[in-house]
Amino acid sequence: MLHTPSGGAGHGTAATDGELMSIGTVLNVLRDEFPDITISKIRFLESEGLVEPQRTPAGYRKFSASDVERLGHVLRLQRDHYLPLKVIREYLDAMERGEAVQLPKLGPQRDGEAPPDPSEGPTAARIGRAELLAAAGIEEQELQEWESYGLIAPLPDGAYDAEAATVASLVVELGRFGIEPRHLRVMKAAADREAGLVDQVVAPLRRHRNPQTRAHAEARTKELAGLAVRLHAALVQTALGVRLP
C-alpha cells in the first residue's frame, strides 16, 4: 500500500479487497475529496500510465481498491505539491518497488518552507508545448486552432498549466463525435461567465490586507468552482434527459 507525505489514507476503502469498481463508481468515490474530477480525467491519468485498471472481455474498465487509492495519491500530489504527472508516476512506481525515495520539490512545499503570499495566487504545475502536444496526441496546427478559439491559452512564459492537458484530451474526445473545436467556443464563453461570477464573490477577500483572509479566498474559490462544475453538469444532464454513471 502506498503512503505519501500529503493526505490521509486513500479512498480505496470504499471497496473491499478483491471487489472491482466501474469507472462511474470510482468517480463517485473520489468526488468527495476532488469535486472537479471527471471520467475523462480518470481516463487521461490511465493513458499517462498513472493507473492500470483491469478490463472485462467487453472492454469495460474495472478498478481495484488499490487503483482508487493510487488515483487519490496522484490527485493529492498534483493539488498539494504541484508535481507534473511524469514525476508523480516515477515517484509512485519507486514507492511500489519499495525504494526509499523523497518527494521531489518542484513547487511550493508544506514542510519547512514559508508558504507563498496568497495575494500572488497559486503556483500550478506547468508543461511545455511539446509535452502538451504529446499528451493530447495532436499536431501543432491543431493546437494553434484551439488557441485561436480561446480553448487553450499559454501562460506568459509560453508554458501551459497542467489543466490544459485535461482540456486538450476532452477536445479530442468530443472531436470523435464530430464536435469540432469551433463548436466549443460557446462552452468557453459559458465557462468564462461562470468564472467571472465566482471572481465577483471572492474578489473582496483577495484584496483584504489580512494574509489569512487572502488565503481564505483561495479556498473559497476552489469550493465555488467545484459547486459550479457540479451545477453545470447537472443542468446539462437535466436538459438532455440523461443520467451519467
Protein backbone atom coordinates (compact mmCIF):
# COMPACT_ATOMS: atom_id res chain seq x y z
CA MET A 1 0.00 0.00 0.00
CA LEU A 2 1.28 3.43 -0.90
CA HIS A 3 1.86 6.15 1.69
CA THR A 4 2.57 9.68 0.54
CA PRO A 5 3.60 12.70 2.64
CA SER A 6 0.36 14.54 1.90
CA GLY A 7 -3.18 13.45 2.53
CA GLY A 8 -4.57 10.60 4.55
CA ALA A 9 -5.47 7.10 3.58
CA GLY A 10 -6.66 6.55 0.04
CA HIS A 11 -10.35 6.26 -0.75
CA GLY A 12 -9.93 2.66 -1.87
CA THR A 13 -11.53 1.69 1.43
CA ALA A 14 -14.87 2.24 -0.29
CA ALA A 15 -14.45 -1.27 -1.70
CA THR A 16 -13.30 -4.42 -0.02
CA ASP A 17 -10.20 -6.24 -1.16
CA GLY A 18 -10.92 -8.09 -4.38
CA GLU A 19 -14.02 -6.06 -5.20
CA LEU A 20 -13.80 -4.28 -8.54
CA MET A 21 -15.47 -0.98 -9.34
CA SER A 22 -16.69 0.64 -12.53
CA ILE A 23 -15.26 3.98 -13.58
CA GLY A 24 -18.53 5.64 -12.54
CA THR A 25 -18.22 4.23 -9.03
CA VAL A 26 -14.61 5.39 -8.85
CA LEU A 27 -15.74 8.87 -9.89
CA ASN A 28 -18.25 8.99 -7.04
CA VAL A 29 -15.69 7.72 -4.52
CA LEU A 30 -13.13 10.37 -5.47
CA ARG A 31 -15.59 13.23 -5.87
CA ASP A 32 -15.92 13.81 -2.12
CA GLU A 33 -12.30 14.95 -1.93
CA PHE A 34 -11.85 16.06 -5.54
CA PRO A 35 -15.15 17.67 -6.65
CA ASP A 36 -13.82 18.62 -10.08
CA ILE A 37 -12.74 15.08 -11.01
CA THR A 38 -14.27 13.77 -14.24
CA ILE A 39 -14.38 10.44 -16.06
CA SER A 40 -12.25 11.99 -18.78
CA LYS A 41 -9.63 12.97 -16.20
CA ILE A 42 -9.51 9.39 -14.90
CA ARG A 43 -9.14 8.09 -18.45
CA PHE A 44 -6.40 10.62 -19.11
CA LEU A 45 -4.49 9.53 -15.98
CA GLU A 46 -4.78 5.95 -17.22
CA SER A 47 -3.42 6.94 -20.64
CA GLU A 48 -0.46 8.57 -18.87
CA GLY A 49 0.33 5.33 -17.05
CA LEU A 50 -0.72 6.54 -13.59
CA VAL A 51 -3.15 3.66 -13.10
CA GLU A 52 -3.77 0.37 -14.92
CA PRO A 53 -7.32 -0.92 -14.31
CA GLN A 54 -8.38 -4.37 -15.39
CA ARG A 55 -10.56 -4.82 -18.47
CA THR A 56 -13.58 -7.05 -18.89
CA PRO A 57 -13.92 -9.14 -22.10
CA ALA A 58 -16.22 -6.39 -23.36
CA GLY A 59 -13.54 -3.77 -22.73
CA TYR A 60 -15.00 -2.07 -19.65
CA ARG A 61 -12.60 -0.74 -17.04
CA LYS A 62 -12.67 -2.34 -13.59
CA PHE A 63 -10.74 -0.68 -10.77
CA SER A 64 -9.48 -2.34 -7.61
CA ALA A 65 -9.30 -0.65 -4.21
CA SER A 66 -5.56 -0.15 -4.70
CA ASP A 67 -6.22 1.51 -8.08
CA VAL A 68 -8.55 4.01 -6.42
CA GLU A 69 -6.05 4.61 -3.62
CA ARG A 70 -3.33 5.29 -6.19
CA LEU A 71 -5.58 7.72 -8.06
CA GLY A 72 -6.19 9.55 -4.80
CA HIS A 73 -2.45 9.85 -4.23
CA VAL A 74 -1.93 11.15 -7.79
CA LEU A 75 -4.59 13.82 -7.38
CA ARG A 76 -3.23 14.91 -3.98
CA LEU A 77 0.31 15.19 -5.30
CA GLN A 78 -1.00 17.37 -8.12
CA ARG A 79 -3.11 19.51 -5.80
CA ASP A 80 -0.82 19.84 -2.78
CA HIS A 81 2.67 19.61 -4.29
CA TYR A 82 2.13 20.88 -7.85
CA LEU A 83 4.01 17.96 -9.41
CA PRO A 84 3.85 17.04 -13.13
CA LEU A 85 2.31 13.66 -13.94
CA LYS A 86 5.61 12.19 -15.14
CA VAL A 87 7.26 12.99 -11.82
CA ILE A 88 4.29 11.61 -9.90
CA ARG A 89 4.35 8.36 -11.89
CA GLU A 90 8.06 7.84 -11.32
CA TYR A 91 7.72 8.62 -7.61
CA LEU A 92 4.80 6.25 -7.02
CA ASP A 93 6.39 3.49 -9.09
CA ALA A 94 9.54 3.76 -6.97
CA MET A 95 7.44 3.63 -3.80
CA GLU A 96 5.71 0.48 -5.00
CA ARG A 97 9.10 -1.13 -5.70
CA GLY A 98 9.98 -0.48 -2.07
CA GLU A 99 12.64 2.09 -2.83
CA ALA A 100 13.43 4.81 -0.31
CA VAL A 101 12.63 7.94 -2.29
CA GLN A 102 11.98 11.51 -1.25
CA LEU A 103 9.15 13.57 -2.58
CA PRO A 104 10.52 15.82 -5.37
CA LYS A 105 10.39 19.52 -4.61
CA LEU A 106 9.16 21.13 -7.79
CA GLY A 107 6.65 23.52 -6.30
CA PRO A 108 5.61 25.17 -3.04
CA GLN A 109 6.22 22.74 -0.18
CA ARG A 110 4.33 22.24 3.05
CA ASP A 111 7.20 21.26 5.34
CA GLY A 112 9.96 23.64 6.36
CA GLU A 113 9.15 26.33 3.81
CA ALA A 114 7.18 29.50 4.12
CA PRO A 115 4.03 29.34 2.02
CA PRO A 116 3.72 31.71 -0.93
CA ASP A 117 1.96 35.02 -0.44
CA PRO A 118 -1.71 34.22 -1.18
CA SER A 119 -2.02 37.55 -2.96
CA GLU A 120 0.32 36.24 -5.63
CA GLY A 121 -2.08 33.40 -6.49
CA PRO A 122 -1.37 29.65 -6.62
CA THR A 123 1.66 28.22 -8.38
CA ALA A 124 0.46 25.39 -10.60
CA ALA A 125 2.40 22.66 -12.35
CA ARG A 126 3.43 23.63 -15.85
CA ILE A 127 4.05 21.67 -19.01
CA GLY A 128 5.81 22.65 -22.18
CA ARG A 129 4.23 22.91 -25.61
CA ALA A 130 5.82 19.68 -26.84
CA GLU A 131 4.59 17.84 -23.74
CA LEU A 132 1.07 19.15 -24.27
CA LEU A 133 1.08 18.04 -27.91
CA ALA A 134 2.27 14.58 -26.88
CA ALA A 135 -0.26 14.27 -24.06
CA ALA A 136 -3.17 15.18 -26.34
CA GLY A 137 -1.82 13.30 -29.37
CA ILE A 138 -2.32 16.29 -31.65
CA GLU A 139 -0.27 18.26 -34.15
CA GLU A 140 0.96 21.84 -33.90
CA GLN A 141 -1.67 23.07 -36.37
CA GLU A 142 -4.50 21.69 -34.24
CA LEU A 143 -3.17 23.35 -31.10
CA GLN A 144 -2.91 26.67 -32.92
CA GLU A 145 -6.55 26.31 -34.00
CA TRP A 146 -7.65 25.62 -30.42
CA GLU A 147 -5.72 28.64 -29.21
CA SER A 148 -7.39 30.83 -31.83
CA TYR A 149 -10.76 29.85 -30.34
CA GLY A 150 -9.55 30.54 -26.80
CA LEU A 151 -9.96 26.92 -25.69
CA ILE A 152 -6.33 26.74 -24.56
CA ALA A 153 -4.02 29.65 -23.80
CA PRO A 154 -0.32 29.64 -22.89
CA LEU A 155 0.96 31.32 -19.77
CA PRO A 156 3.09 34.48 -20.11
CA ASP A 157 6.28 32.39 -20.23
CA GLY A 158 4.94 30.25 -23.07
CA ALA A 159 4.26 27.16 -20.95
CA TYR A 160 0.83 25.78 -20.05
CA ASP A 161 -0.81 24.94 -16.76
CA ALA A 162 -1.40 21.24 -16.12
CA GLU A 163 -5.17 21.58 -16.67
CA ALA A 164 -4.50 22.41 -20.32
CA ALA A 165 -3.78 18.71 -20.87
CA THR A 166 -7.21 17.85 -19.47
CA VAL A 167 -8.88 20.41 -21.74
CA ALA A 168 -6.96 19.05 -24.72
CA SER A 169 -7.97 15.45 -24.00
CA LEU A 170 -11.63 16.48 -23.75
CA VAL A 171 -11.49 18.41 -27.03
CA VAL A 172 -10.03 15.30 -28.69
CA GLU A 173 -12.75 13.05 -27.25
CA LEU A 174 -15.53 15.40 -28.35
CA GLY A 175 -13.97 15.51 -31.79
CA ARG A 176 -14.54 11.77 -32.15
CA PHE A 177 -18.25 12.53 -32.06
CA GLY A 178 -17.99 15.18 -34.76
CA ILE A 179 -17.96 18.15 -32.39
CA GLU A 180 -15.34 20.48 -33.80
CA PRO A 181 -13.27 22.96 -31.76
CA ARG A 182 -15.13 25.91 -33.26
CA HIS A 183 -18.34 24.47 -31.80
CA LEU A 184 -16.82 24.61 -28.33
CA ARG A 185 -16.49 28.38 -28.22
CA VAL A 186 -19.94 28.58 -26.63
CA MET A 187 -18.70 26.33 -23.80
CA LYS A 188 -15.64 28.51 -23.33
CA ALA A 189 -17.81 31.62 -23.18
CA ALA A 190 -20.08 29.99 -20.59
CA ALA A 191 -17.05 28.94 -18.51
CA ASP A 192 -15.69 32.48 -18.61
CA ARG A 193 -19.02 33.84 -17.37
CA GLU A 194 -19.12 31.30 -14.54
CA ALA A 195 -15.54 32.16 -13.59
CA GLY A 196 -16.46 35.84 -13.59
CA LEU A 197 -19.33 35.18 -11.21
CA VAL A 198 -17.05 33.31 -8.81
CA ASP A 199 -14.45 36.05 -9.05
CA GLN A 200 -17.03 38.67 -8.05
CA VAL A 201 -17.67 36.73 -4.85
CA VAL A 202 -14.03 36.21 -3.82
CA ALA A 203 -12.51 39.47 -5.12
CA PRO A 204 -13.12 41.39 -1.84
CA LEU A 205 -11.33 38.61 0.07
CA ARG A 206 -8.34 38.70 -2.29
CA ARG A 207 -7.93 42.45 -1.78
CA HIS A 208 -8.04 42.21 2.00
CA ARG A 209 -4.99 43.31 3.99
CA ASN A 210 -5.09 40.28 6.27
CA PRO A 211 -2.99 37.44 4.75
CA GLN A 212 -5.25 34.83 6.35
CA THR A 213 -8.27 36.38 4.69
CA ARG A 214 -6.47 36.34 1.33
CA ALA A 215 -5.59 32.69 1.88
CA HIS A 216 -9.25 32.02 2.63
CA ALA A 217 -10.08 33.49 -0.79
CA GLU A 218 -8.20 30.65 -2.49
CA ALA A 219 -10.10 28.01 -0.52
CA ARG A 220 -13.39 29.74 -1.25
CA THR A 221 -12.54 29.92 -4.96
CA LYS A 222 -11.93 26.15 -5.09
CA GLU A 223 -15.15 25.46 -3.23
CA LEU A 224 -17.22 27.68 -5.51
CA ALA A 225 -15.53 26.27 -8.61
CA GLY A 226 -16.41 22.74 -7.53
CA LEU A 227 -20.03 23.71 -6.95
CA ALA A 228 -20.21 25.50 -10.30
CA VAL A 229 -18.84 22.44 -12.13
CA ARG A 230 -21.34 20.13 -10.44
CA LEU A 231 -24.24 22.50 -11.15
CA HIS A 232 -23.20 22.83 -14.80
CA ALA A 233 -23.04 19.03 -15.17
CA ALA A 234 -26.44 18.61 -13.51
CA LEU A 235 -28.04 21.25 -15.76
CA VAL A 236 -26.63 19.64 -18.90
CA GLN A 237 -27.87 16.20 -17.81
CA THR A 238 -31.29 17.62 -17.00
CA ALA A 239 -31.52 19.39 -20.38
CA LEU A 240 -30.60 16.18 -22.21
CA GLY A 241 -32.71 13.93 -20.03
CA VAL A 242 -29.81 11.60 -19.25
CA ARG A 243 -28.01 10.42 -16.16
CA LEU A 244 -24.26 9.87 -16.26
CA PRO A 245 -22.85 6.84 -14.41
